[in-house]
């Protein structure tokens, strides 16, 4: 397995900066111009990549009214699956133009295919890498078909057992493709912190030896920043122009100012994480003077004995180091010393 994988012109994993994906999904709300606006807003908000989804209602399910196809709980309660996908899908005739616009403004373009026809379509678009959704992680034939294209694959792992993740990874490897990134995910919309179990990120990395990130459906940016702090190489977050524009994904998506704030916090967290270092920084050197040292706290005459009454370990650090305190006690002063003077070896017999 690879600890680093290449996405377009940059690497993901290891000590590289977190790769940040803005997920458009249904937030275009059926308006092509809004989709274009989302691409520009994502770029301005610090995203590295814009992601869409490639499906139609008919590639996802069938138009059927019986009980199996009704959503009973959650954000989309009382929706029929076919109708939900009809509201949410991104028309295929838009997608080449969206890819062109993304690349023009300097964003990578990524999509999630949901069946073989959508993979073929994205191959014709010359897409450079693929995303597999949590709900498709168990669709091994689809995963193998995607893997056969020989391009890097990002897989969300929401709802999956460890065994199911192992099967998906094995399926990709069987197609001679080892460029895999796994995303920890809680497939609830929105996800709540109690269910996110971000420590799994480290375990996934250790178990599979691949870059690991977070597909984040929670509100706010705490989970994303925390994930980066514990080793996430990728963060994916739903992105919209405004949550007031109603669509199936708006309620758990980030607006541009929120996304910008998340990106800035992630970059600040990366700088704070830094590297293993015991080097004293220039700013720390300035502060070192406020350490403790040995001072005369009473006037001391030449020949007087140093004791706990006339010398103390106090701030600042202009005198001898505290570790010499017990060595100095009991010795004589070689000169008169005024109260408030830092001790030097020349003052000690």
Protein backbone atom coordinates (compact mmCIF):
# COMPACT_ATOMS: atom_id res chain seq x y z
CA UNK A 1 0.00 0.00 0.00
CA UNK A 2 1.05 3.59 -0.60
CA UNK A 3 1.42 6.12 2.19
CA UNK A 4 1.35 8.77 -0.53
CA UNK A 5 -0.93 8.93 -3.56
CA UNK A 6 -0.87 11.49 -6.34
CA UNK A 7 -3.97 13.48 -7.22
CA UNK A 8 -3.38 15.50 -10.36
CA UNK A 9 -0.28 17.57 -9.60
CA UNK A 10 -0.03 17.05 -5.85
CA UNK A 11 0.46 14.28 -3.34
CA UNK A 12 -1.88 13.27 -0.53
CA UNK A 13 -0.73 11.60 2.65
CA UNK A 14 2.38 11.63 4.81
CA UNK A 15 3.31 15.12 5.95
CA UNK A 16 1.68 16.87 3.00
CA UNK A 17 -0.93 19.59 3.67
CA UNK A 18 -4.50 18.39 4.09
CA UNK A 19 -6.37 18.10 0.79
CA UNK A 20 -9.70 19.91 1.17
CA UNK A 21 -12.69 18.92 -0.95
CA UNK A 22 -15.81 21.07 -1.32
CA UNK A 23 -18.75 18.76 -2.06
CA UNK A 24 -21.33 20.51 -4.23
CA UNK A 25 -23.76 17.60 -4.38
CA UNK A 26 -27.34 18.94 -4.65
CA UNK A 27 -26.52 22.50 -3.59
CA UNK A 28 -26.85 23.81 -7.13
CA UNK A 29 -30.61 23.24 -6.62
CA UNK A 30 -31.10 22.61 -10.34
CA UNK A 31 -29.49 25.87 -11.50
CA UNK A 32 -26.42 25.63 -13.74
CA UNK A 33 -25.33 29.20 -13.04
CA UNK A 34 -25.50 28.51 -9.32
CA UNK A 35 -23.25 25.48 -9.87
CA UNK A 36 -20.73 27.78 -11.54
CA UNK A 37 -21.03 30.24 -8.66
CA UNK A 38 -20.37 27.41 -6.18
CA UNK A 39 -17.16 26.51 -8.01
CA UNK A 40 -15.89 30.09 -7.79
CA UNK A 41 -16.96 30.43 -4.15
CA UNK A 42 -15.21 27.16 -3.27
CA UNK A 43 -11.98 28.40 -4.81
CA UNK A 44 -12.22 31.70 -2.94
CA UNK A 45 -12.96 29.80 0.28
CA UNK A 46 -9.72 27.81 0.10
CA UNK A 47 -10.83 24.46 -1.32
CA UNK A 48 -8.38 22.34 -3.30
CA UNK A 49 -11.08 20.41 -5.14
CA UNK A 50 -14.74 20.66 -6.11
CA UNK A 51 -16.69 17.40 -6.08
CA UNK A 52 -19.97 16.52 -7.74
CA UNK A 53 -21.94 13.30 -8.13
CA UNK A 54 -22.66 11.51 -11.39
CA UNK A 55 -25.96 9.65 -11.47
CA UNK A 56 -29.57 9.97 -12.56
CA UNK A 57 -32.64 8.80 -10.65
CA UNK A 58 -32.80 5.79 -12.95
CA UNK A 59 -29.18 4.76 -12.36
CA UNK A 60 -29.80 4.87 -8.60
CA UNK A 61 -33.16 3.16 -8.17
CA UNK A 62 -36.56 2.60 -9.81
CA UNK A 63 -39.62 4.80 -9.75
CA UNK A 64 -41.71 2.73 -7.39
CA UNK A 65 -44.21 3.82 -4.74
CA UNK A 66 -44.21 0.78 -2.51
CA UNK A 67 -42.98 0.91 1.04
CA UNK A 68 -39.44 -0.25 0.30
CA UNK A 69 -38.69 2.97 -1.54
CA UNK A 70 -40.00 5.41 1.09
CA UNK A 71 -37.60 7.18 3.48
CA UNK A 72 -38.97 6.83 7.01
CA UNK A 73 -36.50 8.85 9.12
CA UNK A 74 -33.90 11.58 9.08
CA UNK A 75 -33.33 14.69 6.96
CA UNK A 76 -35.26 13.27 3.99
CA UNK A 77 -38.16 11.73 5.92
CA UNK A 78 -41.27 11.05 3.81
CA UNK A 79 -39.37 11.39 0.51
CA UNK A 80 -39.50 8.67 -2.10
CA UNK A 81 -36.02 7.62 -3.18
CA UNK A 82 -36.63 8.27 -6.87
CA UNK A 83 -38.02 11.74 -6.20
CA UNK A 84 -35.14 12.63 -3.89
CA UNK A 85 -32.55 11.70 -6.51
CA UNK A 86 -34.51 13.58 -9.14
CA UNK A 87 -34.20 16.71 -7.03
CA UNK A 88 -30.56 16.18 -6.14
CA UNK A 89 -28.78 14.95 -9.26
CA UNK A 90 -26.40 17.03 -11.35
CA UNK A 91 -27.42 16.91 -15.04
CA UNK A 92 -24.78 15.09 -17.04
CA UNK A 93 -24.83 17.71 -19.79
CA UNK A 94 -23.48 20.23 -17.25
CA UNK A 95 -20.54 18.20 -16.10
CA UNK A 96 -17.96 18.82 -18.81
CA UNK A 97 -18.58 22.55 -18.44
CA UNK A 98 -18.29 22.33 -14.67
CA UNK A 99 -15.00 20.46 -15.01
CA UNK A 100 -13.72 23.05 -17.46
CA UNK A 101 -14.69 25.91 -15.13
CA UNK A 102 -13.13 24.23 -12.10
CA UNK A 103 -9.85 23.69 -13.88
CA UNK A 104 -9.90 27.26 -15.19
CA UNK A 105 -10.02 28.67 -11.66
CA UNK A 106 -7.42 26.20 -10.36
CA UNK A 107 -9.57 23.57 -8.63
CA UNK A 108 -9.29 19.83 -9.08
CA UNK A 109 -12.52 18.26 -10.32
CA UNK A 110 -13.80 15.06 -8.76
CA UNK A 111 -16.98 13.06 -9.05
CA UNK A 112 -18.64 10.07 -7.44
CA UNK A 113 -20.01 7.58 -9.99
CA UNK A 114 -22.80 5.26 -8.91
CA UNK A 115 -22.88 2.71 -11.71
CA UNK A 116 -20.83 1.59 -14.69
CA UNK A 117 -22.50 4.00 -17.12
CA UNK A 118 -21.47 6.94 -14.95
CA UNK A 119 -17.90 5.61 -14.80
CA UNK A 120 -17.84 5.40 -18.60
CA UNK A 121 -19.19 8.93 -18.81
CA UNK A 122 -16.50 10.24 -16.44
CA UNK A 123 -13.82 8.39 -18.37
CA UNK A 124 -14.94 10.29 -21.46
CA UNK A 125 -14.51 13.49 -19.41
CA UNK A 126 -10.94 12.35 -18.68
CA UNK A 127 -11.42 12.59 -14.94
CA UNK A 128 -8.17 12.00 -13.05
CA UNK A 129 -9.41 10.24 -9.91
CA UNK A 130 -12.60 8.85 -8.38
CA UNK A 131 -14.64 9.02 -5.20
CA UNK A 132 -16.70 6.06 -3.96
CA UNK A 133 -19.59 6.92 -1.64
CA UNK A 134 -20.15 5.14 1.66
CA UNK A 135 -23.38 3.60 0.41
CA UNK A 136 -21.54 2.00 -2.52
CA UNK A 137 -18.67 0.57 -0.47
CA UNK A 138 -20.27 -2.88 -0.60
CA UNK A 139 -20.87 -2.73 -4.38
CA UNK A 140 -17.79 -4.80 -5.19
CA UNK A 141 -18.50 -5.10 -8.96
CA UNK A 142 -18.70 -1.30 -9.22
CA UNK A 143 -15.55 -0.86 -7.13
CA UNK A 144 -13.63 -3.29 -9.33
CA UNK A 145 -14.83 -1.53 -12.47
CA UNK A 146 -13.68 1.83 -11.14
CA UNK A 147 -10.36 0.34 -9.99
CA UNK A 148 -9.79 -1.14 -13.44
CA UNK A 149 -9.35 2.39 -14.79
CA UNK A 150 -6.05 2.61 -12.92
CA UNK A 151 -6.75 5.95 -11.25
CA UNK A 152 -6.55 6.96 -7.57
CA UNK A 153 -9.68 6.20 -5.53
CA UNK A 154 -11.03 7.92 -2.43
CA UNK A 155 -13.50 5.76 -0.49
CA UNK A 156 -15.85 6.90 2.26
CA UNK A 157 -16.39 4.25 4.92
CA UNK A 158 -19.62 5.33 6.59
CA UNK A 159 -21.70 2.43 8.02
CA UNK A 160 -18.96 -0.05 7.07
CA UNK A 161 -17.58 -2.78 9.27
CA UNK A 162 -13.85 -3.42 9.24
CA UNK A 163 -14.51 -6.55 7.23
CA UNK A 164 -16.44 -4.62 4.58
CA UNK A 165 -13.64 -2.08 4.29
CA UNK A 166 -11.15 -4.93 3.89
CA UNK A 167 -13.27 -6.41 1.08
CA UNK A 168 -13.40 -3.09 -0.76
CA UNK A 169 -9.66 -2.52 -0.44
CA UNK A 170 -8.96 -6.09 -1.55
CA UNK A 171 -11.20 -5.61 -4.61
CA UNK A 172 -9.19 -2.57 -5.67
CA UNK A 173 -5.87 -4.33 -5.14
CA UNK A 174 -7.08 -7.29 -7.20
CA UNK A 175 -7.35 -4.87 -10.13
CA UNK A 176 -3.66 -3.93 -9.65
CA UNK A 177 -4.60 -0.53 -8.25
CA UNK A 178 -3.09 0.50 -4.92
CA UNK A 179 -3.72 4.26 -5.01
CA UNK A 180 -6.34 4.33 -2.26
CA UNK A 181 -7.41 6.90 0.30
CA UNK A 182 -9.97 5.97 2.97
CA UNK A 183 -12.26 8.54 4.57
CA UNK A 184 -13.73 8.04 8.04
CA UNK A 185 -17.38 8.96 7.77
CA UNK A 186 -20.53 8.98 9.84
CA UNK A 187 -23.37 8.52 7.36
CA UNK A 188 -25.94 10.62 9.18
CA UNK A 189 -27.16 13.96 7.84
CA UNK A 190 -26.12 15.84 9.88
CA UNK A 191 -23.71 13.68 11.86
CA UNK A 192 -23.36 14.31 15.59
CA UNK A 193 -19.99 14.42 17.41
CA UNK A 194 -20.89 11.47 19.65
CA UNK A 195 -21.05 9.17 16.61
CA UNK A 196 -17.93 10.32 14.77
CA UNK A 197 -15.22 8.32 16.59
CA UNK A 198 -12.36 10.20 14.97
CA UNK A 199 -9.76 7.98 16.66
CA UNK A 200 -10.64 5.48 13.92
CA UNK A 201 -8.64 7.65 11.50
CA UNK A 202 -5.38 6.59 13.13
CA UNK A 203 -6.47 2.95 13.23
CA UNK A 204 -7.45 2.93 9.55
CA UNK A 205 -4.07 4.37 8.67
CA UNK A 206 -2.25 1.73 10.72
CA UNK A 207 -4.44 -1.11 9.45
CA UNK A 208 -4.34 -0.37 5.73
CA UNK A 209 -1.18 1.70 5.30
CA UNK A 210 -2.92 4.29 3.12
CA UNK A 211 -3.72 8.00 3.46
CA UNK A 212 -6.85 8.50 5.57
CA UNK A 213 -9.15 11.49 5.92
CA UNK A 214 -12.62 12.56 6.98
CA UNK A 215 -15.86 12.90 5.05
CA UNK A 216 -17.58 15.28 7.42
CA UNK A 217 -21.35 15.65 7.58
CA UNK A 218 -21.34 17.30 11.01
CA UNK A 219 -22.21 20.93 11.60
CA UNK A 220 -19.36 23.36 12.12
CA UNK A 221 -15.64 22.74 11.74
CA UNK A 222 -14.59 21.17 15.06
CA UNK A 223 -14.55 17.62 13.67
CA UNK A 224 -12.56 18.59 10.58
CA UNK A 225 -9.90 20.48 12.53
CA UNK A 226 -9.66 17.69 15.11
CA UNK A 227 -9.31 15.12 12.34
CA UNK A 228 -6.37 16.99 10.83
CA UNK A 229 -4.76 17.24 14.25
CA UNK A 230 -4.82 13.45 14.58
CA UNK A 231 -3.57 12.72 11.09
CA UNK A 232 -6.29 13.24 8.46
CA UNK A 233 -4.83 13.86 5.00
CA UNK A 234 -8.17 14.76 3.38
CA UNK A 235 -11.25 16.65 4.55
CA UNK A 236 -14.45 16.57 2.51
CA UNK A 237 -17.25 18.94 3.45
CA UNK A 238 -20.57 19.79 1.78
CA UNK A 239 -20.50 23.34 0.40
CA UNK A 240 -23.26 25.75 -0.60
CA UNK A 241 -23.72 29.42 -1.47
CA UNK A 242 -26.45 29.75 1.15
CA UNK A 243 -28.44 27.33 3.29
CA UNK A 244 -31.47 29.47 2.51
CA UNK A 245 -31.44 27.96 -0.99
CA UNK A 246 -33.46 24.86 -0.20
CA UNK A 247 -32.27 21.53 -1.58
CA UNK A 248 -31.70 18.03 -0.18
CA UNK A 249 -28.18 18.89 1.12
CA UNK A 250 -28.46 22.49 2.25
CA UNK A 251 -29.20 21.85 5.93
CA UNK A 252 -25.82 20.22 6.61
CA UNK A 253 -23.66 22.21 4.16
CA UNK A 254 -21.18 25.00 4.88
CA UNK A 255 -21.56 28.51 3.53
CA UNK A 256 -18.45 30.22 2.05
CA UNK A 257 -17.49 32.25 5.13
CA UNK A 258 -17.77 29.13 7.31
CA UNK A 259 -15.74 27.06 4.86
CA UNK A 260 -13.07 29.76 4.70
CA UNK A 261 -12.91 29.79 8.48
CA UNK A 262 -12.53 26.00 8.54
CA UNK A 263 -9.75 26.08 5.95
CA UNK A 264 -7.89 28.83 7.80
CA UNK A 265 -8.19 26.88 11.06
CA UNK A 266 -6.95 23.69 9.40
CA UNK A 267 -3.93 25.52 7.99
CA UNK A 268 -3.23 27.07 11.39
CA UNK A 269 -3.54 23.63 13.01
CA UNK A 270 -1.04 22.22 10.50
CA UNK A 271 1.44 24.96 11.34
CA UNK A 272 0.94 24.30 15.05
CA UNK A 273 1.42 20.54 14.60
CA UNK A 274 4.70 21.23 12.85
CA UNK A 275 7.35 18.55 13.36
CA UNK A 276 9.20 16.86 16.18
CA UNK A 277 11.64 19.52 17.38
CA UNK A 278 13.45 20.49 20.57
CA UNK A 279 15.03 23.53 18.99
CA UNK A 280 14.45 26.77 20.89
CA UNK A 281 12.71 29.26 18.62
CA UNK A 282 13.87 32.86 18.33
CA UNK A 283 10.77 34.03 20.18
CA UNK A 284 11.37 31.49 22.94
CA UNK A 285 14.93 32.74 23.31
CA UNK A 286 13.56 36.15 24.24
CA UNK A 287 11.40 34.52 26.93
CA UNK A 288 14.25 32.48 28.45
CA UNK A 289 15.41 35.48 30.46
CA UNK A 290 12.28 35.10 32.57
CA UNK A 291 13.37 31.72 33.89
CA UNK A 292 14.72 31.52 37.46
CA UNK A 293 18.29 32.02 38.68
CA UNK A 294 20.16 32.66 41.94
CA UNK A 295 20.03 36.21 43.31
CA UNK A 296 21.22 37.98 46.44
CA UNK A 297 18.06 38.91 48.35
CA UNK A 298 19.91 40.76 51.11
CA UNK A 299 23.06 42.89 51.15
CA UNK A 300 25.98 40.48 51.54
CA UNK A 301 29.42 41.52 52.79
CA UNK A 302 32.76 40.17 51.65
CA UNK A 303 33.42 36.96 53.62
CA UNK A 304 29.77 36.41 54.56
CA UNK A 305 28.38 32.88 54.23
CA UNK A 306 25.73 32.25 51.60
CA UNK A 307 22.54 30.77 53.15
CA UNK A 308 18.79 30.51 52.57
CA UNK A 309 18.30 33.98 54.04
CA UNK A 310 20.58 35.94 51.73
CA UNK A 311 20.27 34.03 48.42
CA UNK A 312 17.20 32.65 46.64
CA UNK A 313 16.15 31.13 43.36
CA UNK A 314 13.90 33.73 41.77
CA UNK A 315 13.03 35.20 38.40
CA UNK A 316 14.65 36.51 36.15
CA UNK A 317 17.50 34.39 34.79
CA UNK A 318 20.51 36.73 34.89
CA UNK A 319 22.28 34.77 37.63
CA UNK A 320 23.61 31.27 38.07
CA UNK A 321 21.28 28.39 37.26
CA UNK A 322 19.07 27.05 40.09
CA UNK A 323 20.85 23.68 39.96
CA UNK A 324 23.89 25.28 41.68
CA UNK A 325 21.94 26.60 44.68
CA UNK A 326 22.90 23.84 47.11
CA UNK A 327 26.54 23.95 45.92
CA UNK A 328 26.75 27.67 46.74
CA UNK A 329 25.16 27.51 50.22
CA UNK A 330 27.81 27.45 52.93
CA UNK A 331 30.45 29.12 50.78
CA UNK A 332 31.83 32.65 51.31
CA UNK A 333 31.34 35.78 49.26
CA UNK A 334 34.52 37.09 47.59
CA UNK A 335 33.13 40.63 47.42
CA UNK A 336 30.36 42.87 48.71
CA UNK A 337 27.07 42.08 46.95
CA UNK A 338 24.09 44.43 46.86
CA UNK A 339 20.57 43.05 47.33
CA UNK A 340 19.00 42.27 43.92
CA UNK A 341 22.31 41.30 42.28
CA UNK A 342 22.42 38.07 40.24
CA UNK A 343 25.15 35.74 41.49
CA UNK A 344 28.20 35.00 39.32
CA UNK A 345 30.95 32.45 39.96
CA UNK A 346 33.43 35.27 40.54
CA UNK A 347 31.45 36.28 43.66
CA UNK A 348 31.86 32.84 45.26
CA UNK A 349 34.94 31.57 47.10
